[in-house]
């Protein structure tokens, strides 16, 4: 799943949490806060901690907050899954 261009451009200017990824919180247009969202290469939503699927529709993203929360990562991000 790909971040909207506006947020991808912003994330590209921000520091990485780890090699090639950032951990962010996402606020949706309805006010719902989704925490611990892993974004690979500043544009691809890779996974959300505690969810087997990504519970985000990119068109519903109102705000992205860079958290750099490394402790949230239960396992390394598998970049192979996001290269499609």
PDB file of N, CA and C in Angstrom:
ATOM      1  N   UNK A   1       0.853  -1.164   0.000  1.00  0.00           N
ATOM      2  CA  UNK A   1       0.000   0.000   0.000  1.00  0.00           C
ATOM      3  C   UNK A   1       0.902   1.230   0.000  1.00  0.00           C
ATOM      4  N   UNK A   2       0.576   2.203  -0.815  1.00  0.00           N
ATOM      5  CA  UNK A   2       1.428   3.362  -1.023  1.00  0.00           C
ATOM      6  C   UNK A   2       0.855   4.596  -0.320  1.00  0.00           C
ATOM      7  N   UNK A   3       1.741   5.343   0.334  1.00  0.00           N
ATOM      8  CA  UNK A   3       1.357   6.596   0.980  1.00  0.00           C
ATOM      9  C   UNK A   3       0.969   7.622  -0.084  1.00  0.00           C
ATOM     10  N   UNK A   4       0.044   8.521   0.223  1.00  0.00           N
ATOM     11  CA  UNK A   4      -0.239   9.621  -0.695  1.00  0.00           C
ATOM     12  C   UNK A   4       1.037  10.433  -0.951  1.00  0.00           C
ATOM     13  N   UNK A   5       1.146  11.010  -2.124  1.00  0.00           N
ATOM     14  CA  UNK A   5       2.350  11.724  -2.548  1.00  0.00           C
ATOM     15  C   UNK A   5       2.778  12.782  -1.542  1.00  0.00           C
ATOM     16  N   UNK A   6       1.842  13.517  -1.016  1.00  0.00           N
ATOM     17  CA  UNK A   6       2.183  14.596  -0.072  1.00  0.00           C
ATOM     18  C   UNK A   6       2.904  14.058   1.162  1.00  0.00           C
ATOM     19  N   UNK A   7       2.447  12.921   1.692  1.00  0.00           N
ATOM     20  CA  UNK A   7       3.078  12.362   2.888  1.00  0.00           C
ATOM     21  C   UNK A   7       4.381  11.665   2.545  1.00  0.00           C
ATOM     22  N   UNK A   8       4.453  11.019   1.406  1.00  0.00           N
ATOM     23  CA  UNK A   8       5.698  10.380   0.975  1.00  0.00           C
ATOM     24  C   UNK A   8       6.798  11.425   0.788  1.00  0.00           C
ATOM     25  N   UNK A   9       6.455  12.559   0.188  1.00  0.00           N
ATOM     26  CA  UNK A   9       7.436  13.632  -0.008  1.00  0.00           C
ATOM     27  C   UNK A   9       7.931  14.161   1.339  1.00  0.00           C
ATOM     28  N   UNK A  10       7.029  14.321   2.290  1.00  0.00           N
ATOM     29  CA  UNK A  10       7.427  14.789   3.616  1.00  0.00           C
ATOM     30  C   UNK A  10       8.323  13.757   4.311  1.00  0.00           C
ATOM     31  N   UNK A  11       7.908  12.476   4.278  1.00  0.00           N
ATOM     32  CA  UNK A  11       8.712  11.441   4.931  1.00  0.00           C
ATOM     33  C   UNK A  11      10.105  11.328   4.325  1.00  0.00           C
ATOM     34  N   UNK A  12      10.230  11.582   3.035  1.00  0.00           N
ATOM     35  CA  UNK A  12      11.543  11.507   2.376  1.00  0.00           C
ATOM     36  C   UNK A  12      12.517  12.533   2.943  1.00  0.00           C
ATOM     37  N   UNK A  13      12.017  13.571   3.593  1.00  0.00           N
ATOM     38  CA  UNK A  13      12.885  14.587   4.182  1.00  0.00           C
ATOM     39  C   UNK A  13      13.166  14.325   5.662  1.00  0.00           C
ATOM     40  N   UNK A  14      12.577  13.278   6.210  1.00  0.00           N
ATOM     41  CA  UNK A  14      12.700  12.982   7.642  1.00  0.00           C
ATOM     42  C   UNK A  14      13.701  11.855   7.885  1.00  0.00           C
ATOM     43  N   UNK A  15      14.276  11.801   9.092  1.00  0.00           N
ATOM     44  CA  UNK A  15      15.232  10.741   9.400  1.00  0.00           C
ATOM     45  C   UNK A  15      14.571   9.361   9.454  1.00  0.00           C
ATOM     46  N   UNK A  16      15.354   8.349   9.149  1.00  0.00           N
ATOM     47  CA  UNK A  16      14.875   6.967   9.199  1.00  0.00           C
ATOM     48  C   UNK A  16      14.926   6.459  10.633  1.00  0.00           C
ATOM     49  N   UNK A  17      14.015   5.560  10.955  1.00  0.00           N
ATOM     50  CA  UNK A  17      14.031   4.882  12.243  1.00  0.00           C
ATOM     51  C   UNK A  17      15.100   3.802  12.223  1.00  0.00           C
ATOM     52  N   UNK A  18      15.205   3.127  11.099  1.00  0.00           N
ATOM     53  CA  UNK A  18      16.202   2.085  10.872  1.00  0.00           C
ATOM     54  C   UNK A  18      16.539   2.100   9.390  1.00  0.00           C
ATOM     55  N   UNK A  19      17.318   1.173   8.983  1.00  0.00           N
ATOM     56  CA  UNK A  19      17.780   1.160   7.596  1.00  0.00           C
ATOM     57  C   UNK A  19      16.614   1.002   6.607  1.00  0.00           C
ATOM     58  N   UNK A  20      16.264   2.101   5.943  1.00  0.00           N
ATOM     59  CA  UNK A  20      15.253   2.064   4.895  1.00  0.00           C
ATOM     60  C   UNK A  20      13.811   2.129   5.355  1.00  0.00           C
ATOM     61  N   UNK A  21      13.579   2.372   6.657  1.00  0.00           N
ATOM     62  CA  UNK A  21      12.186   2.446   7.107  1.00  0.00           C
ATOM     63  C   UNK A  21      12.015   3.512   8.192  1.00  0.00           C
ATOM     64  N   UNK A  22      10.769   3.912   8.356  1.00  0.00           N
ATOM     65  CA  UNK A  22      10.374   4.843   9.408  1.00  0.00           C
ATOM     66  C   UNK A  22       9.167   4.274  10.122  1.00  0.00           C
ATOM     67  N   UNK A  23       9.050   4.595  11.400  1.00  0.00           N
ATOM     68  CA  UNK A  23       7.860   4.223  12.161  1.00  0.00           C
ATOM     69  C   UNK A  23       7.096   5.507  12.441  1.00  0.00           C
ATOM     70  N   UNK A  24       5.821   5.487  12.088  1.00  0.00           N
ATOM     71  CA  UNK A  24       4.975   6.675  12.225  1.00  0.00           C
ATOM     72  C   UNK A  24       3.650   6.309  12.884  1.00  0.00           C
ATOM     73  N   UNK A  25       2.973   7.335  13.370  1.00  0.00           N
ATOM     74  CA  UNK A  25       1.574   7.214  13.752  1.00  0.00           C
ATOM     75  C   UNK A  25       0.782   7.924  12.666  1.00  0.00           C
ATOM     76  N   UNK A  26      -0.378   7.393  12.335  1.00  0.00           N
ATOM     77  CA  UNK A  26      -1.214   7.965  11.283  1.00  0.00           C
ATOM     78  C   UNK A  26      -2.555   8.375  11.893  1.00  0.00           C
ATOM     79  N   UNK A  27      -2.962   9.594  11.612  1.00  0.00           N
ATOM     80  CA  UNK A  27      -4.283  10.077  12.019  1.00  0.00           C
ATOM     81  C   UNK A  27      -5.164  10.067  10.780  1.00  0.00           C
ATOM     82  N   UNK A  28      -6.305   9.407  10.890  1.00  0.00           N
ATOM     83  CA  UNK A  28      -7.241   9.334   9.770  1.00  0.00           C
ATOM     84  C   UNK A  28      -8.205  10.514   9.802  1.00  0.00           C
ATOM     85  N   UNK A  29      -8.880  10.739   8.711  1.00  0.00           N
ATOM     86  CA  UNK A  29      -9.798  11.880   8.594  1.00  0.00           C
ATOM     87  C   UNK A  29     -10.925  11.839   9.622  1.00  0.00           C
ATOM     88  N   UNK A  30     -11.260  10.643  10.117  1.00  0.00           N
ATOM     89  CA  UNK A  30     -12.305  10.541  11.145  1.00  0.00           C
ATOM     90  C   UNK A  30     -11.750  10.706  12.555  1.00  0.00           C
ATOM     91  N   UNK A  31     -10.429  11.006  12.662  1.00  0.00           N
ATOM     92  CA  UNK A  31      -9.803  11.229  13.963  1.00  0.00           C
ATOM     93  C   UNK A  31      -9.158  10.001  14.575  1.00  0.00           C
ATOM     94  N   UNK A  32      -9.371   8.827  13.992  1.00  0.00           N
ATOM     95  CA  UNK A  32      -8.781   7.600  14.519  1.00  0.00           C
ATOM     96  C   UNK A  32      -7.264   7.652  14.407  1.00  0.00           C
ATOM     97  N   UNK A  33      -6.570   7.282  15.483  1.00  0.00           N
ATOM     98  CA  UNK A  33      -5.110   7.251  15.501  1.00  0.00           C
ATOM     99  C   UNK A  33      -4.647   5.811  15.331  1.00  0.00           C
ATOM    100  N   UNK A  34      -3.837   5.565  14.312  1.00  0.00           N
ATOM    101  CA  UNK A  34      -3.238   4.244  14.083  1.00  0.00           C
ATOM    102  C   UNK A  34      -1.767   4.371  14.454  1.00  0.00           C
ATOM    103  N   UNK A  35      -1.343   3.653  15.475  1.00  0.00           N
ATOM    104  CA  UNK A  35       0.025   3.757  15.974  1.00  0.00           C
ATOM    105  C   UNK A  35       0.923   2.674  15.360  1.00  0.00           C
ATOM    106  N   UNK A  36       2.211   2.971  15.357  1.00  0.00           N
ATOM    107  CA  UNK A  36       3.241   2.004  14.975  1.00  0.00           C
ATOM    108  C   UNK A  36       3.070   1.473  13.550  1.00  0.00           C
ATOM    109  N   UNK A  37       3.021   2.382  12.617  1.00  0.00           N
ATOM    110  CA  UNK A  37       2.915   2.052  11.203  1.00  0.00           C
ATOM    111  C   UNK A  37       4.322   2.084  10.608  1.00  0.00           C
ATOM    112  N   UNK A  38       4.747   0.978  10.007  1.00  0.00           N
ATOM    113  CA  UNK A  38       6.070   0.909   9.380  1.00  0.00           C
ATOM    114  C   UNK A  38       5.946   1.333   7.921  1.00  0.00           C
ATOM    115  N   UNK A  39       6.773   2.305   7.532  1.00  0.00           N
ATOM    116  CA  UNK A  39       6.782   2.813   6.165  1.00  0.00           C
ATOM    117  C   UNK A  39       8.175   2.578   5.586  1.00  0.00           C
ATOM    118  N   UNK A  40       8.243   1.874   4.471  1.00  0.00           N
ATOM    119  CA  UNK A  40       9.507   1.531   3.827  1.00  0.00           C
ATOM    120  C   UNK A  40       9.773   2.513   2.689  1.00  0.00           C
ATOM    121  N   UNK A  41      11.015   2.954   2.614  1.00  0.00           N
ATOM    122  CA  UNK A  41      11.451   3.868   1.551  1.00  0.00           C
ATOM    123  C   UNK A  41      10.575   5.112   1.449  1.00  0.00           C
ATOM    124  N   UNK A  42      10.083   5.570   2.572  1.00  0.00           N
ATOM    125  CA  UNK A  42       9.306   6.810   2.704  1.00  0.00           C
ATOM    126  C   UNK A  42       7.962   6.810   1.978  1.00  0.00           C
ATOM    127  N   UNK A  43       7.561   5.681   1.378  1.00  0.00           N
ATOM    128  CA  UNK A  43       6.286   5.731   0.653  1.00  0.00           C
ATOM    129  C   UNK A  43       5.422   4.473   0.754  1.00  0.00           C
ATOM    130  N   UNK A  44       5.987   3.347   1.129  1.00  0.00           N
ATOM    131  CA  UNK A  44       5.191   2.115   1.127  1.00  0.00           C
ATOM    132  C   UNK A  44       4.839   1.703   2.551  1.00  0.00           C
ATOM    133  N   UNK A  45       3.546   1.641   2.850  1.00  0.00           N
ATOM    134  CA  UNK A  45       3.091   1.183   4.160  1.00  0.00           C
ATOM    135  C   UNK A  45       3.288  -0.325   4.192  1.00  0.00           C
ATOM    136  N   UNK A  46       4.162  -0.758   5.076  1.00  0.00           N
ATOM    137  CA  UNK A  46       4.561  -2.157   5.106  1.00  0.00           C
ATOM    138  C   UNK A  46       3.738  -2.993   6.082  1.00  0.00           C
ATOM    139  N   UNK A  47       3.574  -2.465   7.290  1.00  0.00           N
ATOM    140  CA  UNK A  47       2.840  -3.209   8.315  1.00  0.00           C
ATOM    141  C   UNK A  47       2.435  -2.274   9.437  1.00  0.00           C
ATOM    142  N   UNK A  48       1.488  -2.763  10.227  1.00  0.00           N
ATOM    143  CA  UNK A  48       1.025  -2.032  11.396  1.00  0.00           C
ATOM    144  C   UNK A  48       1.087  -3.001  12.563  1.00  0.00           C
ATOM    145  N   UNK A  49       1.804  -2.605  13.602  1.00  0.00           N
ATOM    146  CA  UNK A  49       1.968  -3.489  14.757  1.00  0.00           C
ATOM    147  C   UNK A  49       0.607  -3.894  15.313  1.00  0.00           C
ATOM    148  N   UNK A  50       0.452  -5.194  15.549  1.00  0.00           N
ATOM    149  CA  UNK A  50      -0.783  -5.713  16.118  1.00  0.00           C
ATOM    150  C   UNK A  50      -1.864  -6.049  15.106  1.00  0.00           C
ATOM    151  N   UNK A  51      -1.571  -5.865  13.815  1.00  0.00           N
ATOM    152  CA  UNK A  51      -2.550  -6.136  12.759  1.00  0.00           C
ATOM    153  C   UNK A  51      -1.937  -7.085  11.732  1.00  0.00           C
ATOM    154  N   UNK A  52      -2.716  -8.021  11.247  1.00  0.00           N
ATOM    155  CA  UNK A  52      -2.224  -8.916  10.196  1.00  0.00           C
ATOM    156  C   UNK A  52      -2.331  -8.269   8.823  1.00  0.00           C
ATOM    157  N   UNK A  53      -3.219  -7.301   8.692  1.00  0.00           N
ATOM    158  CA  UNK A  53      -3.368  -6.539   7.448  1.00  0.00           C
ATOM    159  C   UNK A  53      -3.258  -5.054   7.796  1.00  0.00           C
ATOM    160  N   UNK A  54      -2.972  -4.251   6.815  1.00  0.00           N
ATOM    161  CA  UNK A  54      -2.855  -2.806   7.034  1.00  0.00           C
ATOM    162  C   UNK A  54      -4.272  -2.205   7.066  1.00  0.00           C
ATOM    163  N   UNK A  55      -4.702  -1.682   8.235  1.00  0.00           N
ATOM    164  CA  UNK A  55      -6.071  -1.186   8.377  1.00  0.00           C
ATOM    165  C   UNK A  55      -6.227   0.281   7.977  1.00  0.00           C
ATOM    166  N   UNK A  56      -5.577   0.668   6.885  1.00  0.00           N
ATOM    167  CA  UNK A  56      -5.569   2.075   6.477  1.00  0.00           C
ATOM    168  C   UNK A  56      -5.911   2.180   5.003  1.00  0.00           C
ATOM    169  N   UNK A  57      -6.822   3.082   4.689  1.00  0.00           N
ATOM    170  CA  UNK A  57      -7.058   3.466   3.305  1.00  0.00           C
ATOM    171  C   UNK A  57      -6.245   4.745   3.105  1.00  0.00           C
ATOM    172  N   UNK A  58      -5.237   4.727   2.217  1.00  0.00           N
ATOM    173  CA  UNK A  58      -4.374   5.900   2.065  1.00  0.00           C
ATOM    174  C   UNK A  58      -5.120   7.210   1.826  1.00  0.00           C
ATOM    175  N   UNK A  59      -6.277   7.154   1.206  1.00  0.00           N
ATOM    176  CA  UNK A  59      -7.037   8.388   0.951  1.00  0.00           C
ATOM    177  C   UNK A  59      -7.629   8.968   2.231  1.00  0.00           C
ATOM    178  N   UNK A  60      -7.634   8.202   3.308  1.00  0.00           N
ATOM    179  CA  UNK A  60      -8.178   8.660   4.587  1.00  0.00           C
ATOM    180  C   UNK A  60      -7.118   9.244   5.520  1.00  0.00           C
ATOM    181  N   UNK A  61      -5.865   9.330   5.080  1.00  0.00           N
ATOM    182  CA  UNK A  61      -4.794   9.831   5.941  1.00  0.00           C
ATOM    183  C   UNK A  61      -4.875  11.356   6.024  1.00  0.00           C
ATOM    184  N   UNK A  62      -5.053  11.857   7.261  1.00  0.00           N
ATOM    185  CA  UNK A  62      -5.118  13.301   7.498  1.00  0.00           C
ATOM    186  C   UNK A  62      -3.790  13.843   8.007  1.00  0.00           C
ATOM    187  N   UNK A  63      -3.049  12.999   8.718  1.00  0.00           N
ATOM    188  CA  UNK A  63      -1.800  13.449   9.327  1.00  0.00           C
ATOM    189  C   UNK A  63      -0.874  12.255   9.526  1.00  0.00           C
ATOM    190  N   UNK A  64       0.432  12.513   9.407  1.00  0.00           N
ATOM    191  CA  UNK A  64       1.443  11.497   9.688  1.00  0.00           C
ATOM    192  C   UNK A  64       2.393  12.090  10.719  1.00  0.00           C
ATOM    193  N   UNK A  65       2.648  11.331  11.777  1.00  0.00           N
ATOM    194  CA  UNK A  65       3.543  11.793  12.846  1.00  0.00           C
ATOM    195  C   UNK A  65       4.720  10.831  12.944  1.00  0.00           C
ATOM    196  N   UNK A  66       5.901  11.320  12.715  1.00  0.00           N
ATOM    197  CA  UNK A  66       7.099  10.504  12.824  1.00  0.00           C
ATOM    198  C   UNK A  66       7.368  10.222  14.294  1.00  0.00           C
ATOM    199  N   UNK A  67       7.467   8.947  14.666  1.00  0.00           N
ATOM    200  CA  UNK A  67       7.671   8.601  16.073  1.00  0.00           C
ATOM    201  C   UNK A  67       9.058   8.034  16.340  1.00  0.00           C
ATOM    202  N   UNK A  68       9.665   7.404  15.333  1.00  0.00           N
ATOM    203  CA  UNK A  68      10.978   6.767  15.503  1.00  0.00           C
ATOM    204  C   UNK A  68      10.930   5.711  16.607  1.00  0.00           C
ATOM    205  N   UNK A  69       9.791   5.086  16.796  1.00  0.00           N
ATOM    206  CA  UNK A  69       9.575   4.150  17.894  1.00  0.00           C
ATOM    207  C   UNK A  69      10.129   2.769  17.562  1.00  0.00           C
ATOM    208  N   UNK A  70      11.433   2.592  17.764  1.00  0.00           N
ATOM    209  CA  UNK A  70      12.072   1.306  17.474  1.00  0.00           C
ATOM    210  C   UNK A  70      11.548   0.189  18.361  1.00  0.00           C
ATOM    211  N   UNK A  71      11.176   0.511  19.580  1.00  0.00           N
ATOM    212  CA  UNK A  71      10.729  -0.533  20.500  1.00  0.00           C
ATOM    213  C   UNK A  71       9.446  -1.196  20.033  1.00  0.00           C
ATOM    214  N   UNK A  72       8.755  -0.585  19.097  1.00  0.00           N
ATOM    215  CA  UNK A  72       7.513  -1.157  18.587  1.00  0.00           C
ATOM    216  C   UNK A  72       7.756  -2.336  17.653  1.00  0.00           C
ATOM    217  N   UNK A  73       8.936  -2.376  17.062  1.00  0.00           N
ATOM    218  CA  UNK A  73       9.208  -3.418  16.076  1.00  0.00           C
ATOM    219  C   UNK A  73       9.374  -4.758  16.783  1.00  0.00           C
ATOM    220  N   UNK A  74       8.434  -5.658  16.549  1.00  0.00           N
ATOM    221  CA  UNK A  74       8.524  -6.983  17.149  1.00  0.00           C
ATOM    222  C   UNK A  74       9.457  -7.880  16.349  1.00  0.00           C
ATOM    223  N   UNK A  75       9.638  -7.513  15.088  1.00  0.00           N
ATOM    224  CA  UNK A  75      10.528  -8.274  14.210  1.00  0.00           C
ATOM    225  C   UNK A  75      11.033  -7.316  13.135  1.00  0.00           C
ATOM    226  N   UNK A  76      12.137  -7.649  12.502  1.00  0.00           N
ATOM    227  CA  UNK A  76      12.626  -6.769  11.433  1.00  0.00           C
ATOM    228  C   UNK A  76      11.609  -6.676  10.295  1.00  0.00           C
ATOM    229  N   UNK A  77      11.576  -5.547   9.641  1.00  0.00           N
ATOM    230  CA  UNK A  77      10.677  -5.335   8.509  1.00  0.00           C
ATOM    231  C   UNK A  77      11.214  -6.121   7.318  1.00  0.00           C
ATOM    232  N   UNK A  78      10.362  -6.913   6.709  1.00  0.00           N
ATOM    233  CA  UNK A  78      10.769  -7.709   5.544  1.00  0.00           C
ATOM    234  C   UNK A  78      10.573  -6.875   4.296  1.00  0.00           C
ATOM    235  N   UNK A  79      11.655  -6.290   3.811  1.00  0.00           N
ATOM    236  CA  UNK A  79      11.596  -5.403   2.655  1.00  0.00           C
ATOM    237  C   UNK A  79      11.195  -6.156   1.391  1.00  0.00           C
ATOM    238  N   UNK A  80      11.363  -7.469   1.342  1.00  0.00           N
ATOM    239  CA  UNK A  80      10.965  -8.237   0.160  1.00  0.00           C
ATOM    240  C   UNK A  80       9.472  -8.176  -0.057  1.00  0.00           C
ATOM    241  N   UNK A  81       8.701  -8.081   1.006  1.00  0.00           N
ATOM    242  CA  UNK A  81       7.244  -8.046   0.900  1.00  0.00           C
ATOM    243  C   UNK A  81       6.746  -6.716   0.365  1.00  0.00           C
ATOM    244  N   UNK A  82       7.577  -5.695   0.395  1.00  0.00           N
ATOM    245  CA  UNK A  82       7.115  -4.362   0.015  1.00  0.00           C
ATOM    246  C   UNK A  82       7.692  -3.896  -1.304  1.00  0.00           C
ATOM    247  N   UNK A  83       8.431  -4.725  -1.998  1.00  0.00           N
ATOM    248  CA  UNK A  83       9.097  -4.284  -3.215  1.00  0.00           C
ATOM    249  C   UNK A  83       8.227  -4.409  -4.449  1.00  0.00           C
ATOM    250  N   UNK A  84       7.007  -4.854  -4.297  1.00  0.00           N
ATOM    251  CA  UNK A  84       6.110  -5.038  -5.448  1.00  0.00           C
ATOM    252  C   UNK A  84       5.540  -3.755  -5.952  1.00  0.00           C
TER     253      UNK A  84
END
